[in-house]
Protein backbone atom coordinates (compact mmCIF):
# COMPACT_ATOMS: atom_id res chain seq x y z
CA MET A 1 -13.59 41.26 -72.16
CA ILE A 2 -12.61 37.64 -71.55
CA ARG A 3 -12.53 36.98 -75.30
CA CYS A 4 -10.09 39.85 -75.72
CA LEU A 5 -7.78 38.64 -72.95
CA LEU A 6 -7.73 34.97 -73.94
CA PRO A 7 -5.61 35.37 -77.12
CA PHE A 8 -3.29 37.68 -75.19
CA ILE A 9 -2.85 35.10 -72.36
CA VAL A 10 -2.35 32.23 -74.82
CA GLY A 11 0.19 34.34 -76.72
CA ILE A 12 2.12 35.03 -73.54
CA ALA A 13 2.01 31.35 -72.62
CA LEU A 14 3.32 30.26 -76.01
CA PHE A 15 5.89 32.96 -76.60
CA GLY A 16 6.92 33.14 -72.98
CA CYS A 17 8.01 29.47 -73.00
CA LYS A 18 11.67 28.72 -72.97
CA LYS A 19 13.16 27.06 -76.02
CA GLN A 20 14.06 24.05 -73.85
CA SER A 21 10.38 23.49 -72.97
CA LEU A 22 9.38 23.58 -76.62
CA GLU A 23 12.16 21.13 -77.50
CA LYS A 24 10.92 18.79 -74.78
CA PHE A 25 7.37 19.04 -76.18
CA LYS A 26 8.65 18.24 -79.70
CA TRP A 27 10.56 15.23 -78.35
CA VAL A 28 7.49 13.90 -76.52
CA LYS A 29 5.38 14.34 -79.65
CA MET A 30 7.97 12.53 -81.80
CA ALA A 31 8.26 9.72 -79.23
CA SER A 32 4.48 9.21 -79.15
CA GLU A 33 4.32 9.15 -82.96
CA GLU A 34 7.16 6.61 -82.97
CA LEU A 35 5.23 4.42 -80.54
CA LEU A 36 2.23 4.45 -82.85
CA PHE A 37 4.43 3.76 -85.85
CA ASN A 38 6.72 1.08 -84.33
CA SER A 39 5.57 -0.82 -81.26
CA GLU A 40 5.58 -4.25 -79.62
CA PRO A 41 2.49 -6.38 -78.93
CA LEU A 42 0.51 -5.10 -75.96
CA PHE A 43 -1.84 -7.08 -73.74
CA GLN A 44 -5.20 -5.45 -72.96
CA GLY A 45 -4.68 -3.27 -69.91
CA GLY A 46 -0.91 -3.27 -70.41
CA ASN A 47 1.66 -6.02 -70.24
CA SER A 48 1.73 -5.82 -66.44
CA ARG A 49 -1.80 -7.30 -66.50
CA ILE A 50 -0.67 -10.55 -68.17
CA LYS A 51 0.42 -12.09 -64.87
CA TYR A 52 -2.90 -11.17 -63.25
CA TRP A 53 -4.94 -12.53 -66.17
CA VAL A 54 -2.99 -15.80 -66.22
CA ALA A 55 -3.39 -16.24 -62.44
CA GLN A 56 -7.14 -15.63 -62.65
CA ASN A 57 -7.63 -18.10 -65.50
CA THR A 58 -5.27 -20.93 -64.57
CA VAL A 59 -6.71 -23.98 -62.83
CA TYR A 60 -4.13 -26.07 -61.00
CA PRO A 61 -4.70 -29.60 -62.37
CA GLN A 62 -6.16 -31.93 -59.73
CA GLN A 63 -3.76 -34.77 -60.55
CA ALA A 64 -0.79 -32.41 -60.23
CA MET A 65 -2.05 -31.27 -56.82
CA GLU A 66 -2.51 -34.84 -55.61
CA GLU A 67 0.97 -35.86 -56.77
CA GLY A 68 2.64 -32.66 -55.53
CA ILE A 69 3.82 -31.67 -59.01
CA GLU A 70 5.20 -28.15 -59.34
CA GLY A 71 7.04 -26.45 -62.17
CA ARG A 72 7.47 -23.52 -64.47
CA VAL A 73 6.32 -23.72 -68.08
CA LEU A 74 7.57 -21.21 -70.64
CA VAL A 75 5.01 -20.82 -73.40
CA ALA A 76 5.65 -19.03 -76.68
CA PHE A 77 2.93 -17.92 -79.07
CA VAL A 78 2.35 -15.65 -82.03
CA VAL A 79 0.39 -12.43 -81.72
CA LEU A 80 -1.08 -12.14 -85.22
CA PRO A 81 -1.54 -8.80 -87.03
CA SER A 82 -5.21 -9.07 -86.05
CA GLY A 83 -4.18 -9.27 -82.36
CA LYS A 84 -5.31 -12.87 -81.95
CA VAL A 85 -3.11 -15.36 -80.09
CA ASP A 86 -2.06 -18.24 -82.33
CA ASN A 87 0.06 -21.36 -82.21
CA PRO A 88 1.02 -21.58 -78.52
CA TYR A 89 3.85 -24.04 -77.86
CA VAL A 90 6.01 -25.02 -74.91
CA VAL A 91 9.57 -23.68 -74.94
CA ARG A 92 10.66 -24.82 -71.47
CA HIS A 93 9.11 -28.09 -70.38
CA ALA A 94 7.84 -29.18 -66.99
CA HIS A 95 5.41 -32.01 -66.32
CA PRO A 96 3.02 -32.80 -69.23
CA ILE A 97 -0.02 -32.13 -67.02
CA LEU A 98 1.23 -28.61 -66.26
CA GLU A 99 2.13 -28.00 -69.91
CA LYS A 100 -1.39 -28.93 -71.01
CA GLU A 101 -2.93 -26.39 -68.61
CA ALA A 102 -0.45 -23.67 -69.60
CA LEU A 103 -1.26 -24.19 -73.29
CA ARG A 104 -4.99 -24.08 -72.53
CA VAL A 105 -4.69 -20.78 -70.67
CA VAL A 106 -2.59 -19.11 -73.38
CA SER A 107 -4.90 -20.30 -76.16
CA GLU A 108 -7.86 -18.66 -74.36
CA MET A 109 -6.20 -15.25 -73.99
CA PRO A 110 -8.18 -12.26 -75.23
CA ASP A 111 -6.99 -10.37 -78.28
CA TRP A 112 -3.86 -8.25 -77.93
CA PHE A 113 -2.93 -4.97 -79.56
CA PRO A 114 -0.58 -6.16 -82.33
CA ARG A 115 2.97 -5.08 -83.02
CA TYR A 116 3.33 -2.22 -85.49
CA HIS A 117 6.28 -1.84 -87.79
CA ASN A 118 6.43 1.10 -90.20
CA GLY A 119 2.82 1.86 -89.32
CA LYS A 120 1.48 -1.58 -90.30
CA PRO A 121 0.36 -4.37 -87.94
CA LYS A 122 2.73 -7.34 -87.93
CA GLY A 123 2.82 -10.71 -86.22
CA ARG A 124 5.27 -11.24 -83.38
CA ILE A 125 6.36 -14.14 -81.17
CA PHE A 126 5.82 -13.50 -77.47
CA ARG A 127 6.82 -15.66 -74.49
CA ILE A 128 5.39 -15.88 -71.00
CA PRO A 129 6.36 -18.06 -68.02
CA ILE A 130 3.58 -19.78 -66.09
CA LYS A 131 4.54 -20.98 -62.63
CA PHE A 132 2.73 -23.80 -60.88
CA ALA A 133 3.61 -23.92 -57.19
CA PHE A 134 2.04 -24.56 -53.80
CA GLU A 135 2.32 -21.34 -51.79
């Protein structure tokens, strides 16, 4: 009995939908395919996790603490098609001690999900600020 009713219920659900609902479904499907086909680099756990990962892995340099050095370092790097982080460099300078730590942290980042363009993984430059402050 249930087997007989199931196709009937599914048929009602599909044919009873408004055209607008089906259009919305088609749009969502196309948007998700577009994301798989063309996307930006993505940090493991989402780009909102970058700040957390950096905070957990940054060690405030002892000399900078003793001298009261604070600053913000902007680091750029390449996310390779393999997802590996490569060639970190300082874009906005602070104190050299802080820059050295920022470069160390970025170079130790785990692999990212690479950028996709036309369905193929591509390299992409990415930038992140790293703030050193006493709070």
